[in-house]
Amino acid sequence: MSPDLHVIDRSEPGVSIADAIRLLSERYGPFDRAPRLEPAHEVVFTILSQHTSDTNSSRAFRRLMDRFGTLEAVAQGDVAEIEDAIIPGGLARVKAPRIKQVLSQMLELNGSLDLSFLREMPLDEAKAWLRQLPGIGPKSAGIVLCFALGMPAMAIDTHIYRVCKRLDLIGPKVTADKAHDILEAAVEPEQVFLFHLSFITHGRRVCRAQRPHCGECVVAGGCPSRDQFVAREGAAGPAASFGANGHAASPSQPPHSLPAEGHAP
């Protein structure tokens, strides 16, 4: 079997991807499926979210919209003014010209910043359309399509990538970019949203890069990486409970999206 295709063959011991989605979504859900942003706004927000925290990128997005009012105004705006508005998000000198360039290219290609037409396209074509924009890679395209347009596009961030490798759902030599296609083919379309939010939440709360909390993990029984971490850290015991129903204390939101009190474009 190819090391890239662990996700397809489940003759080996371990947890299946379907069971992992079910267990993790029961643990951390329910998840709010309502889009926070329009697609073009989500494109800008994904640029702002690169290499910074959710809090900083949210502040930068709000400042940008408060300053300009509309994305059309941002597209016509001065790069220095855009840069000043998004300073809280970090890397403002890189992100400001990129945002202006992306918006300008969307207007040139589409005649407007309404990207709802992508919903009517085959998934591969919609992804290709977004990826022609500067700085929009597989993860950013997946976020826009999944969370702004409700399409079953995969978005693999560092937390999801780590959890999938530890669960042996992708092979050890699979790159993050390649993981998008492998996992998108392996996850049922109606489960992509749950996959993303449950896996990213698990990676942030429990299956951390350093010192994962294996004693709190609901998929530890099928995790081929558990023993090495337990031996190293001395972690043991069954998965900790989140309460009587096994759910998180409150609904989880997409980690890359604005919180409920954020700017509504």
C-alpha atoms as a PDB file:
ATOM      1  CA  MET A   1       0.000   0.000   0.000  1.00  0.00           C
ATOM      2  CA  SER A   2       1.270   3.456  -0.850  1.00  0.00           C
ATOM      3  CA  PRO A   3       2.214   5.526   2.236  1.00  0.00           C
ATOM      4  CA  ASP A   4      -0.040   8.280   0.847  1.00  0.00           C
ATOM      5  CA  LEU A   5      -3.176   6.156   1.019  1.00  0.00           C
ATOM      6  CA  HIS A   6      -3.479   5.189   4.675  1.00  0.00           C
ATOM      7  CA  VAL A   7      -6.753   7.032   4.743  1.00  0.00           C
ATOM      8  CA  ILE A   8      -8.319   4.617   2.224  1.00  0.00           C
ATOM      9  CA  ASP A   9      -7.220   1.268   3.660  1.00  0.00           C
ATOM     10  CA  ARG A  10      -8.668   0.476   7.078  1.00  0.00           C
ATOM     11  CA  SER A  11      -7.615  -3.186   7.335  1.00  0.00           C
ATOM     12  CA  GLU A  12      -4.995  -2.027   9.820  1.00  0.00           C
ATOM     13  CA  PRO A  13      -5.814  -1.353  13.489  1.00  0.00           C
ATOM     14  CA  GLY A  14      -6.825   2.198  14.229  1.00  0.00           C
ATOM     15  CA  VAL A  15      -9.733   4.585  14.097  1.00  0.00           C
ATOM     16  CA  SER A  16     -11.500   5.164  10.793  1.00  0.00           C
ATOM     17  CA  ILE A  17     -11.888   8.683   9.551  1.00  0.00           C
ATOM     18  CA  ALA A  18     -15.684   8.382   9.822  1.00  0.00           C
ATOM     19  CA  ASP A  19     -15.453   7.243  13.454  1.00  0.00           C
ATOM     20  CA  ALA A  20     -12.961  10.003  14.239  1.00  0.00           C
ATOM     21  CA  ILE A  21     -15.322  12.636  12.828  1.00  0.00           C
ATOM     22  CA  ARG A  22     -18.228  11.204  14.807  1.00  0.00           C
ATOM     23  CA  LEU A  23     -16.337  10.971  18.110  1.00  0.00           C
ATOM     24  CA  LEU A  24     -14.690  14.374  17.832  1.00  0.00           C
ATOM     25  CA  SER A  25     -17.809  16.199  16.670  1.00  0.00           C
ATOM     26  CA  GLU A  26     -19.770  14.646  19.545  1.00  0.00           C
ATOM     27  CA  ARG A  27     -17.046  15.825  21.904  1.00  0.00           C
ATOM     28  CA  TYR A  28     -16.681  19.387  20.658  1.00  0.00           C
ATOM     29  CA  GLY A  29     -19.948  20.170  18.913  1.00  0.00           C
ATOM     30  CA  PRO A  30     -22.479  21.408  18.105  1.00  0.00           C
ATOM     31  CA  PHE A  31     -20.919  23.686  15.506  1.00  0.00           C
ATOM     32  CA  ASP A  32     -22.502  26.820  14.090  1.00  0.00           C
ATOM     33  CA  ARG A  33     -22.883  26.377  10.330  1.00  0.00           C
ATOM     34  CA  ALA A  34     -24.010  29.940   9.628  1.00  0.00           C
ATOM     35  CA  PRO A  35     -21.527  31.823   7.396  1.00  0.00           C
ATOM     36  CA  ARG A  36     -19.869  34.737   9.196  1.00  0.00           C
ATOM     37  CA  LEU A  37     -18.685  36.519   6.060  1.00  0.00           C
ATOM     38  CA  GLU A  38     -19.478  36.910   2.393  1.00  0.00           C
ATOM     39  CA  PRO A  39     -16.990  35.064   0.137  1.00  0.00           C
ATOM     40  CA  ALA A  40     -14.936  38.120  -0.891  1.00  0.00           C
ATOM     41  CA  HIS A  41     -14.720  39.221   2.735  1.00  0.00           C
ATOM     42  CA  GLU A  42     -13.620  35.708   3.669  1.00  0.00           C
ATOM     43  CA  VAL A  43     -10.854  35.927   1.054  1.00  0.00           C
ATOM     44  CA  VAL A  44      -9.548  39.111   2.663  1.00  0.00           C
ATOM     45  CA  PHE A  45      -9.893  37.643   6.130  1.00  0.00           C
ATOM     46  CA  THR A  46      -7.899  34.539   5.202  1.00  0.00           C
ATOM     47  CA  ILE A  47      -5.065  36.790   4.015  1.00  0.00           C
ATOM     48  CA  LEU A  48      -5.172  38.709   7.286  1.00  0.00           C
ATOM     49  CA  SER A  49      -5.231  35.455   9.277  1.00  0.00           C
ATOM     50  CA  GLN A  50      -1.981  34.167   7.813  1.00  0.00           C
ATOM     51  CA  HIS A  51       0.837  33.920  10.372  1.00  0.00           C
ATOM     52  CA  THR A  52      -1.092  35.560  13.195  1.00  0.00           C
ATOM     53  CA  SER A  53      -3.697  34.826  15.849  1.00  0.00           C
ATOM     54  CA  ASP A  54      -7.479  34.847  15.418  1.00  0.00           C
ATOM     55  CA  THR A  55      -7.704  37.818  17.766  1.00  0.00           C
ATOM     56  CA  ASN A  56      -5.209  39.915  15.804  1.00  0.00           C
ATOM     57  CA  SER A  57      -6.661  39.062  12.406  1.00  0.00           C
ATOM     58  CA  SER A  58     -10.178  39.885  13.637  1.00  0.00           C
ATOM     59  CA  ARG A  59      -9.001  43.276  14.909  1.00  0.00           C
ATOM     60  CA  ALA A  60      -7.253  43.971  11.626  1.00  0.00           C
ATOM     61  CA  PHE A  61     -10.349  43.058   9.594  1.00  0.00           C
ATOM     62  CA  ARG A  62     -12.632  45.241  11.692  1.00  0.00           C
ATOM     63  CA  ARG A  63     -10.228  48.186  11.442  1.00  0.00           C
ATOM     64  CA  LEU A  64     -10.024  47.736   7.678  1.00  0.00           C
ATOM     65  CA  MET A  65     -13.806  47.732   7.255  1.00  0.00           C
ATOM     66  CA  ASP A  66     -14.287  50.597   9.698  1.00  0.00           C
ATOM     67  CA  ARG A  67     -11.727  52.635   7.765  1.00  0.00           C
ATOM     68  CA  PHE A  68     -12.988  51.924   4.228  1.00  0.00           C
ATOM     69  CA  GLY A  69     -16.586  50.777   4.650  1.00  0.00           C
ATOM     70  CA  THR A  70     -16.611  48.420   1.652  1.00  0.00           C
ATOM     71  CA  LEU A  71     -14.149  46.124  -0.092  1.00  0.00           C
ATOM     72  CA  GLU A  72     -14.690  48.098  -3.282  1.00  0.00           C
ATOM     73  CA  ALA A  73     -13.269  51.117  -1.428  1.00  0.00           C
ATOM     74  CA  VAL A  74     -10.350  48.994  -0.218  1.00  0.00           C
ATOM     75  CA  ALA A  75      -9.632  47.986  -3.826  1.00  0.00           C
ATOM     76  CA  GLN A  76      -9.442  51.674  -4.758  1.00  0.00           C
ATOM     77  CA  GLY A  77      -7.601  52.674  -1.606  1.00  0.00           C
ATOM     78  CA  ASP A  78      -4.031  53.678  -1.007  1.00  0.00           C
ATOM     79  CA  VAL A  79      -1.762  50.797   0.016  1.00  0.00           C
ATOM     80  CA  ALA A  80      -0.268  52.852   2.844  1.00  0.00           C
ATOM     81  CA  GLU A  81      -3.736  53.495   4.262  1.00  0.00           C
ATOM     82  CA  ILE A  82      -4.630  49.811   3.996  1.00  0.00           C
ATOM     83  CA  GLU A  83      -1.375  48.965   5.735  1.00  0.00           C
ATOM     84  CA  ASP A  84      -2.118  51.362   8.573  1.00  0.00           C
ATOM     85  CA  ALA A  85      -5.583  49.859   9.047  1.00  0.00           C
ATOM     86  CA  ILE A  86      -4.389  46.252   9.277  1.00  0.00           C
ATOM     87  CA  ILE A  87      -1.354  46.775  11.515  1.00  0.00           C
ATOM     88  CA  PRO A  88      -2.823  44.676  14.377  1.00  0.00           C
ATOM     89  CA  GLY A  89      -2.801  41.616  12.095  1.00  0.00           C
ATOM     90  CA  GLY A  90       0.954  41.633  11.594  1.00  0.00           C
ATOM     91  CA  LEU A  91       2.949  41.577   8.344  1.00  0.00           C
ATOM     92  CA  ALA A  92       0.970  44.613   7.214  1.00  0.00           C
ATOM     93  CA  ARG A  93       3.560  45.625   4.599  1.00  0.00           C
ATOM     94  CA  VAL A  94       3.132  42.249   2.898  1.00  0.00           C
ATOM     95  CA  LYS A  95      -0.603  41.841   3.361  1.00  0.00           C
ATOM     96  CA  ALA A  96      -1.725  45.359   2.367  1.00  0.00           C
ATOM     97  CA  PRO A  97      -0.531  45.240  -1.271  1.00  0.00           C
ATOM     98  CA  ARG A  98      -1.683  41.621  -1.530  1.00  0.00           C
ATOM     99  CA  ILE A  99      -5.196  42.511  -0.402  1.00  0.00           C
ATOM    100  CA  LYS A 100      -5.397  45.370  -2.897  1.00  0.00           C
ATOM    101  CA  GLN A 101      -4.035  43.138  -5.666  1.00  0.00           C
ATOM    102  CA  VAL A 102      -6.466  40.309  -4.878  1.00  0.00           C
ATOM    103  CA  LEU A 103      -9.480  42.617  -4.813  1.00  0.00           C
ATOM    104  CA  SER A 104      -8.397  44.326  -8.021  1.00  0.00           C
ATOM    105  CA  GLN A 105      -7.963  40.979  -9.753  1.00  0.00           C
ATOM    106  CA  MET A 106     -11.369  39.766  -8.570  1.00  0.00           C
ATOM    107  CA  LEU A 107     -12.940  42.909 -10.044  1.00  0.00           C
ATOM    108  CA  GLU A 108     -11.037  42.445 -13.290  1.00  0.00           C
ATOM    109  CA  LEU A 109     -12.021  38.774 -13.618  1.00  0.00           C
ATOM    110  CA  ASN A 110     -15.595  38.987 -12.394  1.00  0.00           C
ATOM    111  CA  GLY A 111     -16.698  42.608 -12.763  1.00  0.00           C
ATOM    112  CA  SER A 112     -17.763  42.658  -9.110  1.00  0.00           C
ATOM    113  CA  LEU A 113     -16.775  41.288  -5.718  1.00  0.00           C
ATOM    114  CA  ASP A 114     -19.823  39.026  -5.567  1.00  0.00           C
ATOM    115  CA  LEU A 115     -18.338  35.532  -5.615  1.00  0.00           C
ATOM    116  CA  SER A 116     -21.599  33.662  -5.110  1.00  0.00           C
ATOM    117  CA  PHE A 117     -21.260  32.298  -8.665  1.00  0.00           C
ATOM    118  CA  LEU A 118     -18.592  29.906  -7.365  1.00  0.00           C
ATOM    119  CA  ARG A 119     -21.327  27.908  -5.640  1.00  0.00           C
ATOM    120  CA  GLU A 120     -22.707  26.916  -9.048  1.00  0.00           C
ATOM    121  CA  MET A 121     -19.355  25.652 -10.334  1.00  0.00           C
ATOM    122  CA  PRO A 122     -17.913  22.137  -9.952  1.00  0.00           C
ATOM    123  CA  LEU A 123     -15.751  22.063  -6.840  1.00  0.00           C
ATOM    124  CA  ASP A 124     -12.449  21.649  -8.699  1.00  0.00           C
ATOM    125  CA  GLU A 125     -13.246  24.611 -10.962  1.00  0.00           C
ATOM    126  CA  ALA A 126     -14.247  26.788  -8.016  1.00  0.00           C
ATOM    127  CA  LYS A 127     -10.992  25.962  -6.253  1.00  0.00           C
ATOM    128  CA  ALA A 128      -8.997  26.693  -9.413  1.00  0.00           C
ATOM    129  CA  TRP A 129     -10.733  30.068  -9.812  1.00  0.00           C
ATOM    130  CA  LEU A 130      -9.789  31.124  -6.295  1.00  0.00           C
ATOM    131  CA  ARG A 131      -6.246  29.756  -6.509  1.00  0.00           C
ATOM    132  CA  GLN A 132      -5.442  32.002  -9.457  1.00  0.00           C
ATOM    133  CA  LEU A 133      -5.594  34.894  -7.006  1.00  0.00           C
ATOM    134  CA  PRO A 134      -2.221  35.899  -5.512  1.00  0.00           C
ATOM    135  CA  GLY A 135      -1.564  34.367  -2.105  1.00  0.00           C
ATOM    136  CA  ILE A 136      -4.612  32.068  -2.179  1.00  0.00           C
ATOM    137  CA  GLY A 137      -3.469  28.482  -1.760  1.00  0.00           C
ATOM    138  CA  PRO A 138      -5.355  25.231  -1.094  1.00  0.00           C
ATOM    139  CA  LYS A 139      -6.143  26.055   2.528  1.00  0.00           C
ATOM    140  CA  SER A 140      -7.438  29.578   1.849  1.00  0.00           C
ATOM    141  CA  ALA A 141      -9.518  28.400  -1.113  1.00  0.00           C
ATOM    142  CA  GLY A 142     -10.972  25.602   1.000  1.00  0.00           C
ATOM    143  CA  ILE A 143     -11.902  27.989   3.804  1.00  0.00           C
ATOM    144  CA  VAL A 144     -13.716  30.356   1.459  1.00  0.00           C
ATOM    145  CA  LEU A 145     -15.626  27.607  -0.327  1.00  0.00           C
ATOM    146  CA  CYS A 146     -16.519  25.625   2.784  1.00  0.00           C
ATOM    147  CA  PHE A 147     -17.315  28.344   5.280  1.00  0.00           C
ATOM    148  CA  ALA A 148     -18.637  31.145   3.089  1.00  0.00           C
ATOM    149  CA  LEU A 149     -20.339  29.086   0.361  1.00  0.00           C
ATOM    150  CA  GLY A 150     -21.148  25.782   2.068  1.00  0.00           C
ATOM    151  CA  MET A 151     -19.202  23.682  -0.444  1.00  0.00           C
ATOM    152  CA  PRO A 152     -17.388  20.469   0.593  1.00  0.00           C
ATOM    153  CA  ALA A 153     -13.888  21.868   0.101  1.00  0.00           C
ATOM    154  CA  MET A 154     -11.113  20.682   2.379  1.00  0.00           C
ATOM    155  CA  ALA A 155      -9.005  23.203   4.296  1.00  0.00           C
ATOM    156  CA  ILE A 156      -6.004  21.630   6.016  1.00  0.00           C
ATOM    157  CA  ASP A 157      -4.288  23.826   8.566  1.00  0.00           C
ATOM    158  CA  THR A 158      -1.370  22.878  10.792  1.00  0.00           C
ATOM    159  CA  HIS A 159      -3.603  21.465  13.557  1.00  0.00           C
ATOM    160  CA  ILE A 160      -5.642  19.244  11.229  1.00  0.00           C
ATOM    161  CA  TYR A 161      -2.488  18.097   9.465  1.00  0.00           C
ATOM    162  CA  ARG A 162      -0.885  17.110  12.780  1.00  0.00           C
ATOM    163  CA  VAL A 163      -3.947  15.217  14.043  1.00  0.00           C
ATOM    164  CA  CYS A 164      -4.346  13.323  10.761  1.00  0.00           C
ATOM    165  CA  LYS A 165      -0.707  12.263  10.772  1.00  0.00           C
ATOM    166  CA  ARG A 166      -0.880  11.097  14.374  1.00  0.00           C
ATOM    167  CA  LEU A 167      -4.032   9.094  13.656  1.00  0.00           C
ATOM    168  CA  ASP A 168      -2.341   7.624  10.559  1.00  0.00           C
ATOM    169  CA  LEU A 169      -5.094   8.967   8.326  1.00  0.00           C
ATOM    170  CA  ILE A 170      -2.427  10.190   5.907  1.00  0.00           C
ATOM    171  CA  GLY A 171       0.973   8.733   5.253  1.00  0.00           C
ATOM    172  CA  PRO A 172       4.148  10.060   6.878  1.00  0.00           C
ATOM    173  CA  LYS A 173       5.474  11.605   3.657  1.00  0.00           C
ATOM    174  CA  VAL A 174       2.277  13.393   2.619  1.00  0.00           C
ATOM    175  CA  THR A 175       2.703  17.159   2.385  1.00  0.00           C
ATOM    176  CA  ALA A 176       0.094  19.572   3.724  1.00  0.00           C
ATOM    177  CA  ASP A 177      -0.854  20.606   0.176  1.00  0.00           C
ATOM    178  CA  LYS A 178      -1.259  17.009  -0.964  1.00  0.00           C
ATOM    179  CA  ALA A 179      -3.293  16.210   2.158  1.00  0.00           C
ATOM    180  CA  HIS A 180      -6.072  18.473   0.858  1.00  0.00           C
ATOM    181  CA  ASP A 181      -6.791  16.210  -2.112  1.00  0.00           C
ATOM    182  CA  ILE A 182      -6.311  12.928  -0.215  1.00  0.00           C
ATOM    183  CA  LEU A 183      -8.619  13.871   2.643  1.00  0.00           C
ATOM    184  CA  GLU A 184     -11.189  15.568   0.421  1.00  0.00           C
ATOM    185  CA  ALA A 185     -11.529  12.283  -1.479  1.00  0.00           C
ATOM    186  CA  ALA A 186     -11.750  10.278   1.756  1.00  0.00           C
ATOM    187  CA  VAL A 187     -14.321  12.358   3.655  1.00  0.00           C
ATOM    188  CA  GLU A 188     -17.970  12.242   2.612  1.00  0.00           C
ATOM    189  CA  PRO A 189     -18.988  15.671   1.242  1.00  0.00           C
ATOM    190  CA  GLU A 190     -21.623  16.201   3.923  1.00  0.00           C
ATOM    191  CA  GLN A 191     -18.994  15.504   6.596  1.00  0.00           C
ATOM    192  CA  VAL A 192     -16.324  17.980   5.445  1.00  0.00           C
ATOM    193  CA  PHE A 193     -17.609  20.819   7.637  1.00  0.00           C
ATOM    194  CA  LEU A 194     -17.685  18.571  10.734  1.00  0.00           C
ATOM    195  CA  PHE A 195     -14.273  17.163   9.858  1.00  0.00           C
ATOM    196  CA  HIS A 196     -12.684  20.580   9.692  1.00  0.00           C
ATOM    197  CA  LEU A 197     -14.102  22.004  12.895  1.00  0.00           C
ATOM    198  CA  SER A 198     -13.815  18.870  15.001  1.00  0.00           C
ATOM    199  CA  PHE A 199     -10.235  18.123  13.951  1.00  0.00           C
ATOM    200  CA  ILE A 200      -8.980  21.702  14.285  1.00  0.00           C
ATOM    201  CA  THR A 201     -10.606  22.023  17.709  1.00  0.00           C
ATOM    202  CA  HIS A 202      -9.077  18.733  18.803  1.00  0.00           C
ATOM    203  CA  GLY A 203      -5.655  19.853  17.600  1.00  0.00           C
ATOM    204  CA  ARG A 204      -5.895  23.117  19.500  1.00  0.00           C
ATOM    205  CA  ARG A 205      -7.330  21.764  22.749  1.00  0.00           C
ATOM    206  CA  VAL A 206      -5.982  18.237  23.130  1.00  0.00           C
ATOM    207  CA  CYS A 207      -3.710  16.929  20.365  1.00  0.00           C
ATOM    208  CA  ARG A 208      -1.257  19.771  20.703  1.00  0.00           C
ATOM    209  CA  ALA A 209       2.078  19.960  18.945  1.00  0.00           C
ATOM    210  CA  GLN A 210       3.957  19.827  22.227  1.00  0.00           C
ATOM    211  CA  ARG A 211       2.735  17.549  25.022  1.00  0.00           C
ATOM    212  CA  PRO A 212      -0.613  16.324  23.667  1.00  0.00           C
ATOM    213  CA  HIS A 213      -3.183  15.498  26.347  1.00  0.00           C
ATOM    214  CA  CYS A 214      -3.680  11.834  25.453  1.00  0.00           C
ATOM    215  CA  GLY A 215      -5.604  11.190  28.676  1.00  0.00           C
ATOM    216  CA  GLU A 216      -8.323  13.564  27.447  1.00  0.00           C
ATOM    217  CA  CYS A 217      -8.502  12.185  23.900  1.00  0.00           C
ATOM    218  CA  VAL A 218     -11.703  10.460  22.752  1.00  0.00           C
ATOM    219  CA  VAL A 219      -9.889   8.743  19.869  1.00  0.00           C
ATOM    220  CA  ALA A 220      -6.852   7.648  21.887  1.00  0.00           C
ATOM    221  CA  GLY A 221      -7.971   4.003  21.812  1.00  0.00           C
ATOM    222  CA  GLY A 222      -7.416   3.899  18.060  1.00  0.00           C
ATOM    223  CA  CYS A 223      -4.455   6.259  17.864  1.00  0.00           C
ATOM    224  CA  PRO A 224      -1.213   4.579  16.748  1.00  0.00           C
ATOM    225  CA  SER A 225       0.800   7.495  18.142  1.00  0.00           C
ATOM    226  CA  ARG A 226      -0.638   7.400  21.657  1.00  0.00           C
ATOM    227  CA  ASP A 227       1.839   4.967  23.220  1.00  0.00           C
ATOM    228  CA  GLN A 228       4.881   7.028  22.311  1.00  0.00           C
ATOM    229  CA  PHE A 229       3.413  10.155  23.891  1.00  0.00           C
ATOM    230  CA  VAL A 230       2.157   8.321  26.969  1.00  0.00           C
ATOM    231  CA  ALA A 231       5.576   6.790  27.489  1.00  0.00           C
ATOM    232  CA  ARG A 232       7.326  10.113  27.020  1.00  0.00           C
ATOM    233  CA  GLU A 233       5.028  12.230  29.183  1.00  0.00           C
ATOM    234  CA  GLY A 234       3.647   9.658  31.606  1.00  0.00           C
ATOM    235  CA  ALA A 235       0.087  10.493  30.509  1.00  0.00           C
ATOM    236  CA  ALA A 236      -2.464   7.768  31.128  1.00  0.00           C
ATOM    237  CA  GLY A 237      -6.076   7.077  31.884  1.00  0.00           C
ATOM    238  CA  PRO A 238      -9.282   7.164  29.880  1.00  0.00           C
ATOM    239  CA  ALA A 239     -10.513  10.184  27.974  1.00  0.00           C
ATOM    240  CA  ALA A 240     -11.639  12.904  30.332  1.00  0.00           C
ATOM    241  CA  SER A 241     -15.295  13.876  30.277  1.00  0.00           C
ATOM    242  CA  PHE A 242     -16.564  17.252  29.091  1.00  0.00           C
ATOM    243  CA  GLY A 243     -19.762  16.835  31.067  1.00  0.00           C
ATOM    244  CA  ALA A 244     -22.724  14.527  31.268  1.00  0.00           C
ATOM    245  CA  ASN A 245     -23.379  14.559  27.521  1.00  0.00           C
ATOM    246  CA  GLY A 246     -19.718  14.424  26.503  1.00  0.00           C
ATOM    247  CA  HIS A 247     -19.992  17.716  24.624  1.00  0.00           C
ATOM    248  CA  ALA A 248     -17.967  20.861  24.939  1.00  0.00           C
ATOM    249  CA  ALA A 249     -19.402  23.502  27.237  1.00  0.00           C
ATOM    250  CA  SER A 250     -20.612  25.704  24.386  1.00  0.00           C
ATOM    251  CA  PRO A 251     -20.919  25.583  20.593  1.00  0.00           C
ATOM    252  CA  SER A 252     -17.626  25.966  18.747  1.00  0.00           C
ATOM    253  CA  GLN A 253     -17.126  28.518  15.998  1.00  0.00           C
ATOM    254  CA  PRO A 254     -14.902  28.211  12.940  1.00  0.00           C
ATOM    255  CA  PRO A 255     -11.495  29.190  14.378  1.00  0.00           C
ATOM    256  CA  HIS A 256     -10.651  31.256  11.295  1.00  0.00           C
ATOM    257  CA  SER A 257     -13.870  33.289  11.345  1.00  0.00           C
ATOM    258  CA  LEU A 258     -14.966  36.401  13.127  1.00  0.00           C
ATOM    259  CA  PRO A 259     -16.748  35.973  16.436  1.00  0.00           C
ATOM    260  CA  ALA A 260     -20.433  36.824  16.639  1.00  0.00           C
ATOM    261  CA  GLU A 261     -19.833  40.432  17.597  1.00  0.00           C
ATOM    262  CA  GLY A 262     -17.596  41.010  14.611  1.00  0.00           C
ATOM    263  CA  HIS A 263     -18.181  43.372  11.735  1.00  0.00           C
ATOM    264  CA  ALA A 264     -21.044  42.297   9.495  1.00  0.00           C
ATOM    265  CA  PRO A 265     -20.302  43.318   5.950  1.00  0.00           C
END
